[in-house]
Amino acid sequence: MDKKGKRDQARKGGQTGTEEGKSSRRLWKAAIVLLSISLGLSLVQLALRLSQPKGADALEGPSMASAGEAVLQGSTAEEALAAQGLSPVSEGEVPAWVADEVFGASLCAGAYANGDWSVLGVVREGAAAELFDEMSAALEQRGWAAHDSGVANVATFTKEEGEATWAMLQCTAVGGWTTAVLQLSR
């Protein structure tokens, strides 16, 4: 089969039931998830840069473009995210300040976070608006005030006191899946 034929077969999910088809679908699903996380983090980093005072240090953070490229080169999504400093999270690993001030541990289960929890990514099946509403409600229940961005499923949140006092949430739907990226400033 030539390259174009393989690409067409991969886009269609391969032949139903074959290992090649299943692997191809997993690869595309991982690439879509990483692409949507990348887009979310890029917008968050842009917003943070624009809100930084002049002379402030440049933001450091995961490079989702690099993670997406790694998946396209054959890495698993988990390997690519780990290379960018993002690790899968279980309920027992959620820091107390995150569970108390941001989201309960159950909402964080299955998410990815960096070492200092300034970036939290959640991927779920379903509509972006539903996950955005669920996560926004959880933040507001913990004392966060929402500030509409004018863009669907994107908002910033502020709080007067606590471990973190500024957050930006963006939810993006891709192919029946929604990726939520929460950037926290501590």
N, C-alpha and C. Protein backbone atom coordinates (compact mmCIF):
# COMPACT_ATOMS: atom_id res chain seq x y z
N MET A 1 0.86 -1.18 0.00
CA MET A 1 0.00 0.00 0.00
C MET A 1 0.90 1.23 0.00
N ASP A 2 0.59 2.22 -0.87
CA ASP A 2 1.40 3.44 -0.93
C ASP A 2 1.11 4.36 0.25
N LYS A 3 1.91 5.43 0.37
CA LYS A 3 1.80 6.34 1.50
C LYS A 3 0.42 6.98 1.59
N LYS A 4 -0.13 7.43 0.44
CA LYS A 4 -1.44 8.07 0.42
C LYS A 4 -2.52 7.09 0.88
N GLY A 5 -2.43 5.86 0.43
CA GLY A 5 -3.40 4.84 0.82
C GLY A 5 -3.36 4.56 2.32
N LYS A 6 -2.15 4.50 2.88
CA LYS A 6 -2.02 4.29 4.33
C LYS A 6 -2.57 5.48 5.10
N ARG A 7 -2.30 6.70 4.60
CA ARG A 7 -2.80 7.90 5.26
C ARG A 7 -4.32 7.93 5.22
N ASP A 8 -4.92 7.60 4.07
CA ASP A 8 -6.37 7.56 3.97
C ASP A 8 -6.95 6.50 4.90
N GLN A 9 -6.30 5.34 4.96
CA GLN A 9 -6.77 4.27 5.83
C GLN A 9 -6.66 4.69 7.30
N ALA A 10 -5.56 5.38 7.66
CA ALA A 10 -5.39 5.84 9.04
C ALA A 10 -6.45 6.87 9.40
N ARG A 11 -6.73 7.78 8.46
CA ARG A 11 -7.73 8.81 8.74
C ARG A 11 -9.11 8.18 8.95
N LYS A 12 -9.38 7.11 8.23
CA LYS A 12 -10.67 6.43 8.36
C LYS A 12 -10.67 5.43 9.51
N GLY A 13 -9.54 5.32 10.20
CA GLY A 13 -9.49 4.42 11.35
C GLY A 13 -9.04 3.03 11.00
N GLY A 14 -8.52 2.84 9.80
CA GLY A 14 -8.03 1.51 9.43
C GLY A 14 -9.18 0.56 9.22
N GLN A 15 -8.84 -0.68 8.98
CA GLN A 15 -9.86 -1.70 8.80
C GLN A 15 -10.38 -2.11 10.16
N THR A 16 -11.67 -2.17 10.30
CA THR A 16 -12.29 -2.51 11.57
C THR A 16 -11.76 -3.83 12.09
N GLY A 17 -11.30 -3.81 13.33
CA GLY A 17 -10.89 -5.04 14.00
C GLY A 17 -9.44 -5.41 13.82
N THR A 18 -8.70 -4.80 12.89
CA THR A 18 -7.30 -5.16 12.72
C THR A 18 -6.45 -4.41 13.73
N GLU A 19 -5.32 -5.01 14.07
CA GLU A 19 -4.40 -4.35 15.01
C GLU A 19 -3.86 -3.06 14.43
N GLU A 20 -3.59 -3.06 13.10
CA GLU A 20 -3.09 -1.86 12.44
C GLU A 20 -4.12 -0.74 12.53
N GLY A 21 -5.38 -1.06 12.33
CA GLY A 21 -6.46 -0.07 12.40
C GLY A 21 -6.62 0.48 13.81
N LYS A 22 -6.56 -0.42 14.81
CA LYS A 22 -6.69 0.02 16.19
C LYS A 22 -5.53 0.91 16.60
N SER A 23 -4.32 0.54 16.19
CA SER A 23 -3.14 1.33 16.51
C SER A 23 -3.22 2.70 15.85
N SER A 24 -3.69 2.71 14.62
CA SER A 24 -3.82 3.97 13.90
C SER A 24 -4.83 4.89 14.57
N ARG A 25 -5.96 4.34 15.01
CA ARG A 25 -6.97 5.16 15.69
C ARG A 25 -6.42 5.71 17.00
N ARG A 26 -5.67 4.89 17.76
CA ARG A 26 -5.08 5.36 19.02
C ARG A 26 -4.08 6.48 18.76
N LEU A 27 -3.28 6.35 17.70
CA LEU A 27 -2.30 7.36 17.36
C LEU A 27 -2.98 8.68 17.02
N TRP A 28 -4.02 8.63 16.21
CA TRP A 28 -4.74 9.85 15.84
C TRP A 28 -5.43 10.46 17.05
N LYS A 29 -6.01 9.63 17.90
CA LYS A 29 -6.68 10.14 19.11
C LYS A 29 -5.66 10.87 20.00
N ALA A 30 -4.49 10.26 20.19
CA ALA A 30 -3.45 10.88 21.00
C ALA A 30 -2.97 12.18 20.37
N ALA A 31 -2.82 12.20 19.06
CA ALA A 31 -2.38 13.41 18.37
C ALA A 31 -3.42 14.53 18.52
N ILE A 32 -4.70 14.19 18.42
CA ILE A 32 -5.76 15.19 18.57
C ILE A 32 -5.76 15.75 19.99
N VAL A 33 -5.62 14.87 20.98
CA VAL A 33 -5.60 15.32 22.37
C VAL A 33 -4.41 16.25 22.60
N LEU A 34 -3.23 15.86 22.12
CA LEU A 34 -2.06 16.71 22.31
C LEU A 34 -2.18 18.03 21.57
N LEU A 35 -2.76 18.00 20.38
CA LEU A 35 -2.96 19.23 19.63
C LEU A 35 -3.89 20.18 20.38
N SER A 36 -4.97 19.67 20.95
CA SER A 36 -5.89 20.54 21.66
C SER A 36 -5.27 21.06 22.96
N ILE A 37 -4.48 20.23 23.65
CA ILE A 37 -3.77 20.71 24.84
C ILE A 37 -2.76 21.78 24.43
N SER A 38 -2.08 21.57 23.32
CA SER A 38 -1.10 22.53 22.83
C SER A 38 -1.75 23.87 22.54
N LEU A 39 -2.88 23.84 21.86
CA LEU A 39 -3.60 25.07 21.56
C LEU A 39 -4.01 25.78 22.86
N GLY A 40 -4.53 25.02 23.80
CA GLY A 40 -4.94 25.61 25.07
C GLY A 40 -3.78 26.24 25.82
N LEU A 41 -2.66 25.53 25.91
CA LEU A 41 -1.51 26.08 26.62
C LEU A 41 -0.93 27.29 25.90
N SER A 42 -0.96 27.28 24.57
CA SER A 42 -0.46 28.43 23.82
C SER A 42 -1.29 29.67 24.12
N LEU A 43 -2.60 29.52 24.14
CA LEU A 43 -3.46 30.66 24.45
C LEU A 43 -3.27 31.12 25.89
N VAL A 44 -3.12 30.19 26.81
CA VAL A 44 -2.90 30.54 28.21
C VAL A 44 -1.57 31.28 28.35
N GLN A 45 -0.52 30.77 27.71
CA GLN A 45 0.78 31.44 27.81
C GLN A 45 0.75 32.82 27.19
N LEU A 46 0.04 32.99 26.08
CA LEU A 46 -0.09 34.30 25.47
C LEU A 46 -0.79 35.26 26.43
N ALA A 47 -1.88 34.81 27.03
CA ALA A 47 -2.61 35.67 27.98
C ALA A 47 -1.72 36.04 29.17
N LEU A 48 -0.96 35.09 29.66
CA LEU A 48 -0.07 35.37 30.78
C LEU A 48 1.02 36.36 30.39
N ARG A 49 1.59 36.18 29.20
CA ARG A 49 2.63 37.11 28.75
C ARG A 49 2.08 38.53 28.64
N LEU A 50 0.87 38.64 28.10
CA LEU A 50 0.28 39.96 27.93
C LEU A 50 -0.04 40.62 29.27
N SER A 51 -0.27 39.79 30.30
CA SER A 51 -0.63 40.36 31.60
C SER A 51 0.59 40.56 32.51
N GLN A 52 1.78 40.12 32.07
CA GLN A 52 2.98 40.29 32.88
C GLN A 52 3.49 41.73 32.82
N PRO A 53 3.99 42.23 33.94
CA PRO A 53 4.61 43.56 33.91
C PRO A 53 5.85 43.55 33.02
N LYS A 54 6.19 44.71 32.44
CA LYS A 54 7.40 44.81 31.62
C LYS A 54 8.60 44.41 32.44
N GLY A 55 9.51 43.67 31.81
CA GLY A 55 10.72 43.25 32.49
C GLY A 55 10.59 41.97 33.28
N ALA A 56 9.38 41.41 33.35
CA ALA A 56 9.20 40.15 34.08
C ALA A 56 9.85 39.02 33.30
N ASP A 57 10.29 38.01 34.02
CA ASP A 57 10.91 36.86 33.37
C ASP A 57 9.92 36.19 32.43
N ALA A 58 10.45 35.62 31.36
CA ALA A 58 9.62 34.91 30.40
C ALA A 58 9.04 33.67 31.05
N LEU A 59 7.85 33.31 30.62
CA LEU A 59 7.19 32.12 31.16
C LEU A 59 7.86 30.85 30.66
N GLU A 60 7.97 29.90 31.52
CA GLU A 60 8.45 28.58 31.14
C GLU A 60 7.28 27.63 31.24
N GLY A 61 7.25 26.63 30.42
CA GLY A 61 6.15 25.68 30.50
C GLY A 61 6.31 24.57 29.49
N PRO A 62 5.40 23.62 29.53
CA PRO A 62 5.48 22.49 28.64
C PRO A 62 5.34 22.92 27.18
N SER A 63 6.05 22.24 26.30
CA SER A 63 5.92 22.48 24.87
C SER A 63 5.05 21.37 24.29
N MET A 64 3.78 21.68 24.10
CA MET A 64 2.88 20.67 23.57
C MET A 64 3.13 20.41 22.09
N ALA A 65 3.72 21.38 21.38
CA ALA A 65 4.08 21.13 19.99
C ALA A 65 5.12 20.01 19.93
N SER A 66 6.08 20.04 20.84
CA SER A 66 7.09 18.98 20.90
C SER A 66 6.45 17.64 21.27
N ALA A 67 5.50 17.68 22.20
CA ALA A 67 4.82 16.44 22.59
C ALA A 67 4.02 15.88 21.42
N GLY A 68 3.33 16.74 20.68
CA GLY A 68 2.57 16.28 19.52
C GLY A 68 3.47 15.67 18.47
N GLU A 69 4.62 16.30 18.23
CA GLU A 69 5.59 15.76 17.27
C GLU A 69 6.09 14.40 17.72
N ALA A 70 6.34 14.24 19.02
CA ALA A 70 6.82 12.95 19.54
C ALA A 70 5.80 11.85 19.30
N VAL A 71 4.52 12.14 19.47
CA VAL A 71 3.47 11.15 19.21
C VAL A 71 3.45 10.78 17.74
N LEU A 72 3.56 11.78 16.88
CA LEU A 72 3.56 11.50 15.45
C LEU A 72 4.78 10.69 15.03
N GLN A 73 5.86 10.76 15.82
CA GLN A 73 7.07 9.99 15.54
C GLN A 73 7.04 8.59 16.18
N GLY A 74 5.95 8.27 16.91
CA GLY A 74 5.81 6.92 17.44
C GLY A 74 5.78 6.80 18.95
N SER A 75 6.00 7.88 19.69
CA SER A 75 5.91 7.82 21.15
C SER A 75 4.45 7.69 21.56
N THR A 76 4.22 7.15 22.74
CA THR A 76 2.86 7.14 23.28
C THR A 76 2.56 8.54 23.81
N ALA A 77 1.28 8.84 24.00
CA ALA A 77 0.90 10.13 24.56
C ALA A 77 1.52 10.31 25.93
N GLU A 78 1.53 9.24 26.74
CA GLU A 78 2.09 9.32 28.09
C GLU A 78 3.58 9.65 28.05
N GLU A 79 4.33 9.02 27.11
CA GLU A 79 5.77 9.29 26.99
C GLU A 79 6.01 10.73 26.55
N ALA A 80 5.21 11.20 25.60
CA ALA A 80 5.37 12.56 25.08
C ALA A 80 5.06 13.60 26.15
N LEU A 81 4.00 13.38 26.91
CA LEU A 81 3.64 14.32 27.98
C LEU A 81 4.68 14.30 29.09
N ALA A 82 5.18 13.11 29.43
CA ALA A 82 6.21 13.00 30.47
C ALA A 82 7.48 13.75 30.06
N ALA A 83 7.82 13.71 28.79
CA ALA A 83 9.01 14.42 28.31
C ALA A 83 8.85 15.93 28.47
N GLN A 84 7.61 16.40 28.56
CA GLN A 84 7.34 17.82 28.75
C GLN A 84 7.07 18.17 30.21
N GLY A 85 7.29 17.21 31.10
CA GLY A 85 7.12 17.47 32.53
C GLY A 85 5.71 17.30 33.04
N LEU A 86 4.83 16.70 32.25
CA LEU A 86 3.46 16.46 32.68
C LEU A 86 3.29 14.98 33.00
N SER A 87 2.70 14.70 34.14
CA SER A 87 2.52 13.33 34.61
C SER A 87 1.06 13.04 34.86
N PRO A 88 0.66 11.77 34.67
CA PRO A 88 -0.73 11.41 35.00
C PRO A 88 -0.95 11.52 36.50
N VAL A 89 -2.18 11.86 36.86
CA VAL A 89 -2.51 12.11 38.26
C VAL A 89 -3.56 11.12 38.72
N SER A 90 -3.37 10.57 39.91
CA SER A 90 -4.41 9.77 40.54
C SER A 90 -5.00 10.58 41.69
N GLU A 91 -6.15 10.17 42.18
CA GLU A 91 -6.81 10.92 43.26
C GLU A 91 -5.90 11.08 44.47
N GLY A 92 -5.10 10.07 44.79
CA GLY A 92 -4.24 10.12 45.97
C GLY A 92 -3.05 11.05 45.83
N GLU A 93 -2.74 11.50 44.62
CA GLU A 93 -1.58 12.35 44.39
C GLU A 93 -1.90 13.85 44.37
N VAL A 94 -3.15 14.19 44.47
CA VAL A 94 -3.55 15.59 44.39
C VAL A 94 -3.14 16.31 45.67
N PRO A 95 -2.33 17.39 45.56
CA PRO A 95 -1.93 18.13 46.76
C PRO A 95 -3.15 18.69 47.49
N ALA A 96 -3.02 18.80 48.80
CA ALA A 96 -4.14 19.29 49.62
C ALA A 96 -4.60 20.67 49.17
N TRP A 97 -3.67 21.56 48.82
CA TRP A 97 -4.08 22.91 48.42
C TRP A 97 -4.89 22.89 47.13
N VAL A 98 -4.59 21.96 46.21
CA VAL A 98 -5.37 21.86 44.97
C VAL A 98 -6.77 21.33 45.29
N ALA A 99 -6.84 20.28 46.10
CA ALA A 99 -8.14 19.70 46.46
C ALA A 99 -9.00 20.71 47.23
N ASP A 100 -8.37 21.52 48.08
CA ASP A 100 -9.12 22.50 48.88
C ASP A 100 -9.49 23.75 48.10
N GLU A 101 -8.56 24.25 47.29
CA GLU A 101 -8.73 25.56 46.67
C GLU A 101 -9.12 25.54 45.20
N VAL A 102 -8.85 24.43 44.50
CA VAL A 102 -9.05 24.43 43.05
C VAL A 102 -10.12 23.43 42.67
N PHE A 103 -9.77 22.15 42.63
CA PHE A 103 -10.71 21.09 42.29
C PHE A 103 -10.57 19.96 43.27
N GLY A 104 -11.67 19.29 43.54
CA GLY A 104 -11.61 18.09 44.36
C GLY A 104 -10.79 17.03 43.65
N ALA A 105 -10.27 16.11 44.42
CA ALA A 105 -9.41 15.07 43.88
C ALA A 105 -10.09 14.26 42.78
N SER A 106 -11.40 14.04 42.89
CA SER A 106 -12.08 13.22 41.88
C SER A 106 -12.09 13.90 40.51
N LEU A 107 -12.13 15.21 40.44
CA LEU A 107 -12.09 15.91 39.16
C LEU A 107 -10.69 15.85 38.55
N CYS A 108 -9.68 15.72 39.40
CA CYS A 108 -8.29 15.65 38.92
C CYS A 108 -7.87 14.25 38.48
N ALA A 109 -8.61 13.23 38.89
CA ALA A 109 -8.24 11.85 38.54
C ALA A 109 -8.20 11.69 37.03
N GLY A 110 -7.12 11.10 36.54
CA GLY A 110 -6.96 10.89 35.11
C GLY A 110 -6.42 12.11 34.39
N ALA A 111 -6.14 13.17 35.13
CA ALA A 111 -5.60 14.40 34.52
C ALA A 111 -4.09 14.28 34.40
N TYR A 112 -3.49 15.30 33.81
CA TYR A 112 -2.05 15.43 33.74
C TYR A 112 -1.69 16.75 34.40
N ALA A 113 -0.59 16.76 35.15
CA ALA A 113 -0.15 17.99 35.80
C ALA A 113 1.36 18.07 35.75
N ASN A 114 1.87 19.30 35.79
CA ASN A 114 3.32 19.44 35.89
C ASN A 114 3.70 19.39 37.37
N GLY A 115 4.99 19.43 37.66
CA GLY A 115 5.49 19.21 39.01
C GLY A 115 4.97 20.17 40.06
N ASP A 116 4.79 21.44 39.70
CA ASP A 116 4.32 22.41 40.70
C ASP A 116 2.82 22.68 40.60
N TRP A 117 2.14 21.94 39.77
CA TRP A 117 0.69 22.04 39.59
C TRP A 117 0.27 23.40 39.04
N SER A 118 1.13 24.07 38.29
CA SER A 118 0.73 25.32 37.65
C SER A 118 0.00 25.05 36.33
N VAL A 119 0.09 23.82 35.84
CA VAL A 119 -0.64 23.41 34.64
C VAL A 119 -1.34 22.10 34.93
N LEU A 120 -2.64 22.07 34.66
CA LEU A 120 -3.44 20.86 34.86
C LEU A 120 -4.25 20.64 33.59
N GLY A 121 -4.13 19.47 33.00
CA GLY A 121 -4.88 19.14 31.79
C GLY A 121 -5.81 17.97 32.04
N VAL A 122 -7.05 18.11 31.60
CA VAL A 122 -8.07 17.06 31.77
C VAL A 122 -8.61 16.74 30.39
N VAL A 123 -8.74 15.46 30.07
CA VAL A 123 -9.31 15.04 28.79
C VAL A 123 -10.49 14.12 29.09
N ARG A 124 -11.63 14.46 28.47
CA ARG A 124 -12.85 13.66 28.67
C ARG A 124 -13.64 13.60 27.38
N GLU A 125 -14.45 12.56 27.26
CA GLU A 125 -15.40 12.51 26.16
C GLU A 125 -16.51 13.51 26.44
N GLY A 126 -17.06 14.10 25.38
CA GLY A 126 -18.20 15.00 25.56
C GLY A 126 -17.94 16.40 25.05
N ALA A 127 -18.90 17.26 25.32
CA ALA A 127 -18.89 18.64 24.82
C ALA A 127 -18.02 19.53 25.69
N ALA A 128 -17.37 20.49 25.05
CA ALA A 128 -16.51 21.45 25.76
C ALA A 128 -17.31 22.28 26.76
N ALA A 129 -18.51 22.69 26.37
CA ALA A 129 -19.32 23.53 27.25
C ALA A 129 -19.67 22.81 28.55
N GLU A 130 -19.93 21.51 28.48
CA GLU A 130 -20.27 20.75 29.69
C GLU A 130 -19.10 20.67 30.66
N LEU A 131 -17.90 20.36 30.15
CA LEU A 131 -16.73 20.28 31.02
C LEU A 131 -16.37 21.66 31.55
N PHE A 132 -16.47 22.68 30.71
CA PHE A 132 -16.20 24.04 31.15
C PHE A 132 -17.13 24.43 32.29
N ASP A 133 -18.43 24.15 32.14
CA ASP A 133 -19.40 24.47 33.19
C ASP A 133 -19.10 23.72 34.49
N GLU A 134 -18.75 22.43 34.37
CA GLU A 134 -18.44 21.63 35.56
C GLU A 134 -17.21 22.18 36.29
N MET A 135 -16.16 22.48 35.53
CA MET A 135 -14.93 22.97 36.15
C MET A 135 -15.11 24.40 36.69
N SER A 136 -15.84 25.24 35.97
CA SER A 136 -16.11 26.60 36.45
C SER A 136 -16.90 26.58 37.75
N ALA A 137 -17.91 25.72 37.81
CA ALA A 137 -18.72 25.61 39.02
C ALA A 137 -17.86 25.15 40.20
N ALA A 138 -16.96 24.21 39.96
CA ALA A 138 -16.07 23.73 41.03
C ALA A 138 -15.18 24.86 41.54
N LEU A 139 -14.66 25.67 40.63
CA LEU A 139 -13.84 26.81 41.05
C LEU A 139 -14.66 27.83 41.84
N GLU A 140 -15.83 28.16 41.34
CA GLU A 140 -16.67 29.15 42.02
C GLU A 140 -17.11 28.67 43.40
N GLN A 141 -17.33 27.36 43.57
CA GLN A 141 -17.68 26.82 44.88
C GLN A 141 -16.53 26.98 45.87
N ARG A 142 -15.33 27.12 45.37
CA ARG A 142 -14.15 27.28 46.23
C ARG A 142 -13.72 28.74 46.34
N GLY A 143 -14.61 29.67 45.98
CA GLY A 143 -14.34 31.08 46.20
C GLY A 143 -13.72 31.85 45.04
N TRP A 144 -13.60 31.24 43.88
CA TRP A 144 -13.04 31.91 42.72
C TRP A 144 -14.11 32.75 42.04
N ALA A 145 -13.75 33.95 41.58
CA ALA A 145 -14.64 34.81 40.80
C ALA A 145 -14.29 34.66 39.33
N ALA A 146 -15.28 34.36 38.51
CA ALA A 146 -15.08 34.16 37.07
C ALA A 146 -15.08 35.50 36.35
N HIS A 147 -14.23 35.60 35.33
CA HIS A 147 -14.15 36.78 34.48
C HIS A 147 -14.23 36.30 33.04
N ASP A 148 -15.33 36.62 32.37
CA ASP A 148 -15.56 36.16 31.01
C ASP A 148 -14.50 36.73 30.07
N SER A 149 -14.04 35.90 29.16
CA SER A 149 -13.02 36.33 28.20
C SER A 149 -13.61 36.84 26.90
N GLY A 150 -14.89 36.56 26.67
CA GLY A 150 -15.49 36.88 25.40
C GLY A 150 -15.31 35.77 24.38
N VAL A 151 -14.61 34.71 24.76
CA VAL A 151 -14.39 33.54 23.90
C VAL A 151 -15.10 32.36 24.55
N ALA A 152 -15.82 31.60 23.75
CA ALA A 152 -16.56 30.45 24.30
C ALA A 152 -15.62 29.50 25.03
N ASN A 153 -16.03 29.09 26.22
CA ASN A 153 -15.33 28.08 27.02
C ASN A 153 -13.92 28.49 27.45
N VAL A 154 -13.71 29.79 27.59
CA VAL A 154 -12.44 30.32 28.08
C VAL A 154 -12.77 31.41 29.09
N ALA A 155 -12.16 31.35 30.27
CA ALA A 155 -12.36 32.38 31.29
C ALA A 155 -11.15 32.44 32.20
N THR A 156 -10.99 33.58 32.84
CA THR A 156 -10.00 33.69 33.90
C THR A 156 -10.76 33.73 35.22
N PHE A 157 -10.07 33.38 36.28
CA PHE A 157 -10.65 33.33 37.62
C PHE A 157 -9.67 33.97 38.58
N THR A 158 -10.19 34.72 39.53
CA THR A 158 -9.34 35.34 40.55
C THR A 158 -9.90 35.04 41.93
N LYS A 159 -9.00 35.14 42.90
CA LYS A 159 -9.36 34.89 44.29
C LYS A 159 -8.49 35.82 45.14
N GLU A 160 -9.05 36.34 46.20
CA GLU A 160 -8.33 37.29 47.04
C GLU A 160 -7.17 36.67 47.81
N GLU A 161 -7.34 35.44 48.26
CA GLU A 161 -6.27 34.82 49.06
C GLU A 161 -6.23 33.33 48.80
N GLY A 162 -5.13 32.73 49.22
CA GLY A 162 -4.95 31.29 49.05
C GLY A 162 -3.64 31.00 48.37
N GLU A 163 -3.39 29.74 48.13
CA GLU A 163 -2.15 29.29 47.49
C GLU A 163 -2.05 29.83 46.06
N ALA A 164 -3.14 29.83 45.33
CA ALA A 164 -3.19 30.38 43.97
C ALA A 164 -4.28 31.45 43.95
N THR A 165 -4.02 32.53 43.22
CA THR A 165 -4.99 33.63 43.19
C THR A 165 -5.43 34.01 41.78
N TRP A 166 -4.86 33.38 40.77
CA TRP A 166 -5.25 33.64 39.38
C TRP A 166 -5.25 32.32 38.62
N ALA A 167 -6.24 32.14 37.77
CA ALA A 167 -6.32 30.93 36.96
C ALA A 167 -6.95 31.26 35.62
N MET A 168 -6.57 30.49 34.61
CA MET A 168 -7.21 30.59 33.31
C MET A 168 -7.62 29.19 32.89
N LEU A 169 -8.88 29.06 32.49
CA LEU A 169 -9.43 27.78 32.08
C LEU A 169 -9.87 27.87 30.63
N GLN A 170 -9.46 26.88 29.84
CA GLN A 170 -9.91 26.79 28.45
C GLN A 170 -10.28 25.36 28.16
N CYS A 171 -11.45 25.17 27.57
CA CYS A 171 -11.90 23.85 27.14
C CYS A 171 -12.08 23.85 25.63
N THR A 172 -11.51 22.84 24.98
CA THR A 172 -11.55 22.73 23.52
C THR A 172 -12.02 21.34 23.15
N ALA A 173 -12.99 21.26 22.25
CA ALA A 173 -13.49 19.96 21.78
C ALA A 173 -12.83 19.60 20.46
N VAL A 174 -12.38 18.36 20.38
CA VAL A 174 -11.80 17.83 19.15
C VAL A 174 -12.26 16.40 18.99
N GLY A 175 -13.01 16.13 17.93
CA GLY A 175 -13.40 14.76 17.60
C GLY A 175 -14.16 14.03 18.70
N GLY A 176 -15.08 14.67 19.36
CA GLY A 176 -15.87 14.02 20.40
C GLY A 176 -15.21 14.01 21.77
N TRP A 177 -13.99 14.51 21.86
CA TRP A 177 -13.26 14.60 23.12
C TRP A 177 -13.07 16.06 23.48
N THR A 178 -13.02 16.36 24.76
CA THR A 178 -12.76 17.72 25.22
C THR A 178 -11.51 17.73 26.08
N THR A 179 -10.67 18.70 25.78
CA THR A 179 -9.46 18.92 26.58
C THR A 179 -9.65 20.21 27.36
N ALA A 180 -9.43 20.15 28.65
CA ALA A 180 -9.46 21.34 29.50
C ALA A 180 -8.05 21.59 29.99
N VAL A 181 -7.60 22.82 29.87
CA VAL A 181 -6.29 23.22 30.38
C VAL A 181 -6.52 24.32 31.40
N LEU A 182 -6.02 24.10 32.60
CA LEU A 182 -6.10 25.10 33.66
C LEU A 182 -4.68 25.54 33.98
N GLN A 183 -4.41 26.82 33.84
CA GLN A 183 -3.11 27.39 34.21
C GLN A 183 -3.31 28.16 35.50
N LEU A 184 -2.50 27.86 36.51
CA LEU A 184 -2.60 28.53 37.81
C LEU A 184 -1.38 29.39 38.05
N SER A 185 -1.60 30.56 38.63
CA SER A 185 -0.50 31.42 39.02
C SER A 185 -0.46 31.44 40.54
N ARG A 186 0.70 31.06 41.10
CA ARG A 186 0.85 30.97 42.55
C ARG A 186 1.74 32.07 43.06
